[in-house]
């Protein structure tokens, strides 16, 4: 994934796993307000990383399917002449 900041260097699975841990810690409680806010902010950052990875995957899949459809149409068009 392209990008210059440290967040984009995280792989999807790594960001997802860390996000799961952040949610677990928030649900468990026992943290101060400041710690909870920091966890929440980190969770938001991780969710954005995951969303960007998923959007990128969707775009790649859509492009691949469009290429496949175009190739199928070209073959069908050539066969009809």
Protein backbone atom coordinates (compact mmCIF):
# COMPACT_ATOMS: atom_id res chain seq x y z
CA UNK A 1 0.00 0.00 0.00
CA UNK A 2 1.42 3.37 -0.98
CA UNK A 3 1.86 6.16 1.51
CA UNK A 4 4.46 7.92 3.52
CA UNK A 5 3.26 7.68 7.10
CA UNK A 6 3.78 4.90 9.61
CA UNK A 7 0.09 3.95 9.66
CA UNK A 8 0.08 2.88 6.02
CA UNK A 9 3.08 0.65 6.73
CA UNK A 10 0.82 -1.53 8.87
CA UNK A 11 -0.56 -4.56 7.07
CA UNK A 12 -4.28 -5.20 7.23
CA UNK A 13 -3.97 -8.20 9.54
CA UNK A 14 -1.58 -6.36 11.88
CA UNK A 15 -3.91 -3.34 12.10
CA UNK A 16 -6.96 -5.57 12.58
CA UNK A 17 -5.30 -7.58 15.34
CA UNK A 18 -4.19 -4.43 17.16
CA UNK A 19 -7.68 -2.97 16.79
CA UNK A 20 -9.16 -6.13 18.34
CA UNK A 21 -6.77 -5.73 21.27
CA UNK A 22 -7.70 -2.04 21.67
CA UNK A 23 -11.41 -2.93 21.74
CA UNK A 24 -10.77 -5.73 24.24
CA UNK A 25 -8.91 -3.35 26.55
CA UNK A 26 -11.64 -0.71 26.30
CA UNK A 27 -14.36 -3.27 27.02
CA UNK A 28 -12.43 -4.68 29.98
CA UNK A 29 -12.34 -1.26 31.64
CA UNK A 30 -10.01 -0.47 34.48
CA UNK A 31 -8.22 2.26 32.55
CA UNK A 32 -8.09 5.93 33.39
CA UNK A 33 -9.99 8.44 31.32
CA UNK A 34 -6.75 9.55 29.67
CA UNK A 35 -5.79 5.95 28.84
CA UNK A 36 -9.27 5.26 27.50
CA UNK A 37 -9.12 8.34 25.26
CA UNK A 38 -5.70 7.32 23.96
CA UNK A 39 -6.99 3.80 23.25
CA UNK A 40 -10.06 5.22 21.48
CA UNK A 41 -7.89 7.48 19.31
CA UNK A 42 -5.60 4.57 18.45
CA UNK A 43 -8.64 2.47 17.59
CA UNK A 44 -9.89 5.17 15.24
CA UNK A 45 -6.49 5.30 13.50
CA UNK A 46 -6.40 1.51 13.15
CA UNK A 47 -9.95 1.42 11.80
CA UNK A 48 -8.94 3.95 9.13
CA UNK A 49 -5.95 1.79 8.16
CA UNK A 50 -8.20 -1.26 7.84
CA UNK A 51 -10.76 0.72 5.83
CA UNK A 52 -8.05 1.94 3.40
CA UNK A 53 -6.77 -1.61 2.91
CA UNK A 54 -10.30 -2.90 2.26
CA UNK A 55 -11.08 -0.04 -0.14
CA UNK A 56 -7.83 -0.78 -1.99
CA UNK A 57 -8.68 -4.47 -2.17
CA UNK A 58 -12.15 -3.63 -3.49
CA UNK A 59 -10.68 -1.34 -6.17
CA UNK A 60 -8.22 -4.05 -7.26
CA UNK A 61 -11.01 -6.64 -7.41
CA UNK A 62 -13.27 -4.30 -9.39
CA UNK A 63 -10.44 -3.52 -11.84
CA UNK A 64 -9.68 -7.21 -12.28
CA UNK A 65 -13.33 -8.04 -12.91
CA UNK A 66 -13.65 -5.17 -15.39
CA UNK A 67 -10.58 -6.42 -17.28
CA UNK A 68 -11.99 -9.94 -17.32
CA UNK A 69 -15.37 -8.71 -18.61
CA UNK A 70 -13.67 -6.66 -21.34
CA UNK A 71 -11.62 -9.68 -22.42
CA UNK A 72 -14.74 -11.88 -22.50
CA UNK A 73 -16.59 -9.28 -24.59
CA UNK A 74 -13.64 -9.05 -27.01
CA UNK A 75 -13.63 -12.82 -27.45
CA UNK A 76 -17.39 -12.91 -27.96
CA UNK A 77 -17.16 -10.03 -30.43
CA UNK A 78 -14.39 -11.72 -32.41
CA UNK A 79 -16.31 -14.98 -32.56
CA UNK A 80 -19.39 -13.35 -34.02
CA UNK A 81 -17.68 -12.04 -37.14
